[in-house]
Protein backbone atom coordinates (compact mmCIF):
# COMPACT_ATOMS: atom_id res chain seq x y z
CA UNK A 1 197.04 215.90 101.50
CA UNK A 2 197.21 219.75 101.59
CA UNK A 3 194.31 221.07 99.49
CA UNK A 4 196.01 224.44 98.91
CA UNK A 5 199.17 222.78 97.58
CA UNK A 6 197.17 220.47 95.32
CA UNK A 7 195.22 223.40 93.92
CA UNK A 8 198.47 225.24 93.29
CA UNK A 9 199.89 222.19 91.49
CA UNK A 10 196.77 222.01 89.35
CA UNK A 11 196.97 225.71 88.44
CA UNK A 12 200.65 225.39 87.55
CA UNK A 13 199.99 222.31 85.41
CA UNK A 14 197.20 223.97 83.48
CA UNK A 15 199.36 227.05 82.96
CA UNK A 16 202.24 224.92 81.69
CA UNK A 17 199.96 223.22 79.24
CA UNK A 18 198.68 226.55 78.03
CA UNK A 19 202.31 227.68 77.48
CA UNK A 20 202.87 224.70 75.15
CA UNK A 21 204.57 222.43 77.64
CA UNK A 22 202.50 219.53 76.20
CA UNK A 23 201.29 216.40 77.90
CA UNK A 24 198.79 216.00 80.71
CA UNK A 25 199.36 218.33 83.68
CA UNK A 26 201.00 216.78 86.72
CA UNK A 27 201.50 217.85 90.31
CA UNK A 28 204.82 217.94 92.12
CA UNK A 29 204.50 214.25 92.99
CA UNK A 30 204.24 213.29 89.32
CA UNK A 31 200.60 212.13 89.57
CA UNK A 32 198.26 212.99 86.76
CA UNK A 33 195.56 215.63 87.29
CA UNK A 34 192.58 216.71 85.26
CA UNK A 35 193.62 218.60 82.15
CA UNK A 36 191.74 221.49 80.62
CA UNK A 37 190.38 218.97 78.07
CA UNK A 38 188.53 217.01 80.78
CA UNK A 39 190.85 213.98 81.28
CA UNK A 40 190.00 211.75 84.25
CA UNK A 41 191.87 212.62 87.43
CA UNK A 42 194.22 209.89 88.58
CA UNK A 43 193.45 209.22 92.25
CA UNK A 44 196.18 209.75 94.85
CA UNK A 45 197.83 206.52 95.97
CA UNK A 46 196.01 206.34 99.34
CA UNK A 47 192.62 206.91 97.74
CA UNK A 48 193.32 204.34 95.03
CA UNK A 49 194.23 201.77 97.70
CA UNK A 50 191.00 202.50 99.55
CA UNK A 51 188.99 202.08 96.35
CA UNK A 52 190.70 198.77 95.59
CA UNK A 53 189.96 197.51 99.10
CA UNK A 54 186.31 198.57 98.77
CA UNK A 55 185.96 196.75 95.46
CA UNK A 56 187.47 193.65 97.05
CA UNK A 57 184.95 193.83 99.90
CA UNK A 58 182.08 194.18 97.41
CA UNK A 59 183.34 191.23 95.35
CA UNK A 60 183.53 189.06 98.48
CA UNK A 61 180.02 190.10 99.50
CA UNK A 62 178.67 189.18 96.06
CA UNK A 63 180.44 185.82 96.15
CA UNK A 64 179.14 185.13 99.66
CA UNK A 65 175.62 186.03 98.58
CA UNK A 66 175.82 183.66 95.62
CA UNK A 67 177.03 180.83 97.86
CA UNK A 68 174.18 181.51 100.29
CA UNK A 69 171.62 181.47 97.49
CA UNK A 70 172.91 178.13 96.19
CA UNK A 71 172.89 176.63 99.68
CA UNK A 72 169.35 177.90 100.31
CA UNK A 73 168.17 176.47 96.98
CA UNK A 74 169.67 173.06 97.82
CA UNK A 75 168.02 173.10 101.25
CA UNK A 76 164.65 174.06 99.76
CA UNK A 77 164.85 171.26 97.19
CA UNK A 78 165.77 168.75 99.89
CA UNK A 79 162.80 169.86 102.01
CA UNK A 80 160.54 169.61 98.95
CA UNK A 81 161.68 166.06 98.20
CA UNK A 82 161.17 164.93 101.80
CA UNK A 83 157.65 166.42 101.89
CA UNK A 84 156.76 164.88 98.52
CA UNK A 85 157.87 161.45 99.70
CA UNK A 86 155.65 161.71 102.77
CA UNK A 87 152.73 162.95 100.69
CA UNK A 88 153.06 160.13 98.16
CA UNK A 89 153.13 157.53 100.93
CA UNK A 90 149.86 158.95 102.31
CA UNK A 91 148.02 159.29 98.99
CA UNK A 92 144.70 157.41 98.77
CA UNK A 93 143.79 155.10 95.91
CA UNK A 94 142.43 157.06 92.97
CA UNK A 95 139.27 155.36 91.74
CA UNK A 96 138.00 155.87 88.21
CA UNK A 97 134.35 156.85 88.61
CA UNK A 98 133.90 158.60 85.27
CA UNK A 99 132.67 156.68 82.24
CA UNK A 100 133.06 157.38 78.53
CA UNK A 101 130.30 155.81 76.49
CA UNK A 102 129.85 155.27 72.76
CA UNK A 103 126.72 154.77 70.74
CA UNK A 104 125.84 151.22 69.72
CA UNK A 105 124.16 150.72 66.36
CA UNK A 106 122.46 147.75 64.79
CA UNK A 107 123.21 146.27 61.37
CA UNK A 108 121.11 148.94 59.69
CA UNK A 109 123.02 151.76 61.41
CA UNK A 110 120.22 152.64 63.79
CA UNK A 111 121.18 153.66 67.33
CA UNK A 112 120.13 150.99 69.79
CA UNK A 113 121.89 152.13 72.97
CA UNK A 114 125.23 152.94 74.56
CA UNK A 115 128.23 150.90 75.65
CA UNK A 116 131.04 151.75 78.06
CA UNK A 117 134.23 152.51 76.17
CA UNK A 118 136.53 153.40 79.05
CA UNK A 119 136.69 154.82 82.55
CA UNK A 120 138.58 157.77 84.00
CA UNK A 121 139.19 159.53 87.31
CA UNK A 122 137.13 162.70 87.63
CA UNK A 123 139.37 165.65 88.34
CA UNK A 124 137.03 167.22 90.92
CA UNK A 125 137.13 163.98 92.92
CA UNK A 126 140.88 163.55 92.55
CA UNK A 127 141.50 167.14 93.63
CA UNK A 128 139.37 166.69 96.75
CA UNK A 129 141.39 163.58 97.65
CA UNK A 130 144.93 164.82 97.09
CA UNK A 131 144.82 168.45 98.21
CA UNK A 132 144.46 167.69 101.97
CA UNK A 133 147.39 165.25 101.76
CA UNK A 134 149.57 167.83 100.02
CA UNK A 135 148.62 170.57 102.48
CA UNK A 136 149.45 168.33 105.44
CA UNK A 137 152.96 168.01 104.01
CA UNK A 138 153.56 171.73 103.29
CA UNK A 139 152.83 171.38 99.56
CA UNK A 140 150.35 173.11 97.29
CA UNK A 141 149.26 172.24 93.75
CA UNK A 142 148.44 175.07 91.33
CA UNK A 143 148.01 175.37 87.58
CA UNK A 144 149.02 177.73 84.78
CA UNK A 145 147.18 177.86 81.46
CA UNK A 146 148.11 179.59 78.23
CA UNK A 147 146.50 179.66 74.80
CA UNK A 148 149.28 178.92 72.33
CA UNK A 149 147.18 178.91 69.15
CA UNK A 150 143.58 179.45 68.09
CA UNK A 151 142.75 175.85 68.97
CA UNK A 152 145.46 174.81 71.44
CA UNK A 153 146.10 175.30 75.14
CA UNK A 154 149.03 174.55 77.45
CA UNK A 155 148.22 173.35 80.97
CA UNK A 156 151.06 173.34 83.51
CA UNK A 157 150.78 171.71 86.93
CA UNK A 158 152.99 173.33 89.58
CA UNK A 159 153.68 171.78 92.96
CA UNK A 160 155.31 174.19 95.41
CA UNK A 161 156.81 173.65 98.86
CA UNK A 162 156.44 176.18 101.66
CA UNK A 163 160.22 176.82 101.49
CA UNK A 164 159.90 177.97 97.87
CA UNK A 165 161.09 175.08 95.70
CA UNK A 166 158.66 174.18 92.89
CA UNK A 167 158.46 171.63 90.09
CA UNK A 168 156.30 171.60 86.94
CA UNK A 169 154.71 169.28 84.43
CA UNK A 170 153.23 170.68 81.20
CA UNK A 171 150.82 169.30 78.61
CA UNK A 172 149.98 170.86 75.22
CA UNK A 173 146.43 170.00 74.18
CA UNK A 174 144.03 170.62 71.29
CA UNK A 175 140.61 172.02 72.10
CA UNK A 176 138.07 169.22 72.65
CA UNK A 177 135.56 169.33 69.81
CA UNK A 178 133.98 165.94 70.48
CA UNK A 179 130.29 165.38 71.10
CA UNK A 180 127.98 168.36 71.04
CA UNK A 181 130.30 170.74 72.93
CA UNK A 182 130.26 174.42 72.10
CA UNK A 183 133.53 176.38 71.98
CA UNK A 184 133.54 177.32 75.67
CA UNK A 185 132.75 173.77 76.74
CA UNK A 186 135.55 172.50 74.51
CA UNK A 187 138.06 174.78 76.22
CA UNK A 188 136.81 173.77 79.65
CA UNK A 189 137.03 170.08 78.80
CA UNK A 190 140.62 170.40 77.55
CA UNK A 191 141.74 172.38 80.59
CA UNK A 192 140.14 169.87 82.97
CA UNK A 193 141.78 167.00 81.08
CA UNK A 194 145.13 168.80 81.18
CA UNK A 195 144.90 169.43 84.93
CA UNK A 196 144.17 165.77 85.63
CA UNK A 197 146.97 164.34 83.52
CA UNK A 198 149.57 166.99 84.35
CA UNK A 199 148.93 166.41 88.06
CA UNK A 200 149.04 162.63 87.59
CA UNK A 201 152.39 162.95 85.81
CA UNK A 202 153.83 165.31 88.41
CA UNK A 203 152.73 163.21 91.40
CA UNK A 204 153.02 159.82 89.65
CA UNK A 205 149.40 158.97 90.43
CA UNK A 206 147.56 156.00 88.95
CA UNK A 207 143.81 155.65 88.52
CA UNK A 208 142.18 152.34 89.43
CA UNK A 209 138.93 150.76 88.30
CA UNK A 210 136.50 150.32 91.18
CA UNK A 211 136.52 146.53 90.66
CA UNK A 212 140.18 146.16 89.90
CA UNK A 213 143.42 147.44 91.45
CA UNK A 214 146.42 147.02 89.17
CA UNK A 215 144.93 143.81 87.85
CA UNK A 216 144.40 142.31 91.31
CA UNK A 217 141.15 141.73 93.15
CA UNK A 218 140.41 144.35 95.83
CA UNK A 219 140.31 141.63 98.48
CA UNK A 220 144.07 141.19 98.08
CA UNK A 221 144.61 144.59 99.68
CA UNK A 222 143.74 145.95 103.11
CA UNK A 223 140.30 147.45 103.69
CA UNK A 224 139.64 151.07 104.60
CA UNK A 225 139.07 150.02 108.23
CA UNK A 226 142.40 148.20 108.31
CA UNK A 227 144.11 151.22 106.77
CA UNK A 228 142.60 153.44 109.48
CA UNK A 229 143.86 151.07 112.19
CA UNK A 230 147.37 151.15 110.75
CA UNK A 231 147.36 154.94 110.52
CA UNK A 232 146.33 155.19 114.17
CA UNK A 233 149.14 152.83 115.18
CA UNK A 234 151.67 154.71 113.04
CA UNK A 235 150.67 157.99 114.65
CA UNK A 236 150.66 156.52 118.18
CA UNK A 237 154.13 155.02 117.76
CA UNK A 238 155.47 158.03 115.81
CA UNK A 239 156.62 155.62 113.13
CA UNK A 240 158.06 156.96 109.88
CA UNK A 241 155.36 156.34 107.25
CA UNK A 242 157.70 156.44 104.19
CA UNK A 243 160.05 153.93 105.87
CA UNK A 244 157.09 151.77 106.84
CA UNK A 245 155.88 151.70 103.23
CA UNK A 246 159.42 151.07 101.99
CA UNK A 247 159.76 148.09 104.32
CA UNK A 248 156.66 146.48 102.81
CA UNK A 249 157.73 147.54 99.31
CA UNK A 250 154.62 149.63 98.63
CA UNK A 251 154.21 153.18 97.37
CA UNK A 252 151.40 154.12 99.73
CA UNK A 253 149.57 152.56 102.67
CA UNK A 254 146.38 151.50 100.80
CA UNK A 255 148.59 149.28 98.59
CA UNK A 256 149.47 147.01 101.53
CA UNK A 257 148.47 143.42 100.79
CA UNK A 258 145.87 141.91 103.07
CA UNK A 259 148.27 139.02 103.75
CA UNK A 260 150.77 141.51 105.25
CA UNK A 261 148.25 143.26 107.50
CA UNK A 262 148.74 141.13 110.64
CA UNK A 263 152.52 141.36 110.31
CA UNK A 264 152.30 145.14 109.96
CA UNK A 265 150.09 145.46 113.05
CA UNK A 266 152.41 143.21 115.05
CA UNK A 267 155.46 145.25 114.05
CA UNK A 268 153.82 148.52 115.08
CA UNK A 269 152.59 147.10 118.40
CA UNK A 270 156.08 145.79 119.10
CA UNK A 271 157.45 149.27 118.47
CA UNK A 272 154.91 150.65 120.93
CA UNK A 273 156.27 148.27 123.54
């Protein structure tokens, strides 16, 4: 386009408008130009085509980016699920070593001692057991806490995979005012309780009494030494632990019945050749 000609067309159009010609000024090609009142200039046909093409390219880039993000999110979730399955198969038994006791009184209401009311898994012990298993499978467990009222707290367990996918489990709790706890101790007790149960819910963990495992005697399950032997064989044969557990219909290796131990060893040795 000749800049001098376009400028001349613009000058002529403005002059015509000033003479009362009316309407928006136009050049010799009939395309609208900026009027003295500040109307938007209509782009020449070639420039308009270029702008349309550019917009189309931008739209395609945005659509491609969205598709990539969705694909990446699906891949991250798949990797998270695979890692969680491996971690769950390797989780140790969670033993309840904590005890809640209540006062025992005689017929006259005098305190005569204490009695065990219930047992629970101590969070510091549970954390020490599960964190190495999670880390070995590219997972990390963290927590978020928030005071939602003067006497309430939310505790959220967050398990995150190295690829970025994360899942949460939240509990809303009142502040523990039982016993002789002061305010700070009450908050600490509720947060500790929330961490334990939010993590248990998120990882589907179950606490066991030290003399009972899901209602069965401990002798019905493999010993720690037998578990160690199986783990060594699984590692030596590069066996798939989740598939191994699935074959014996157990959630994790320590749940293997003692009666299945010899069969499990034989199967792994056969795989080793």
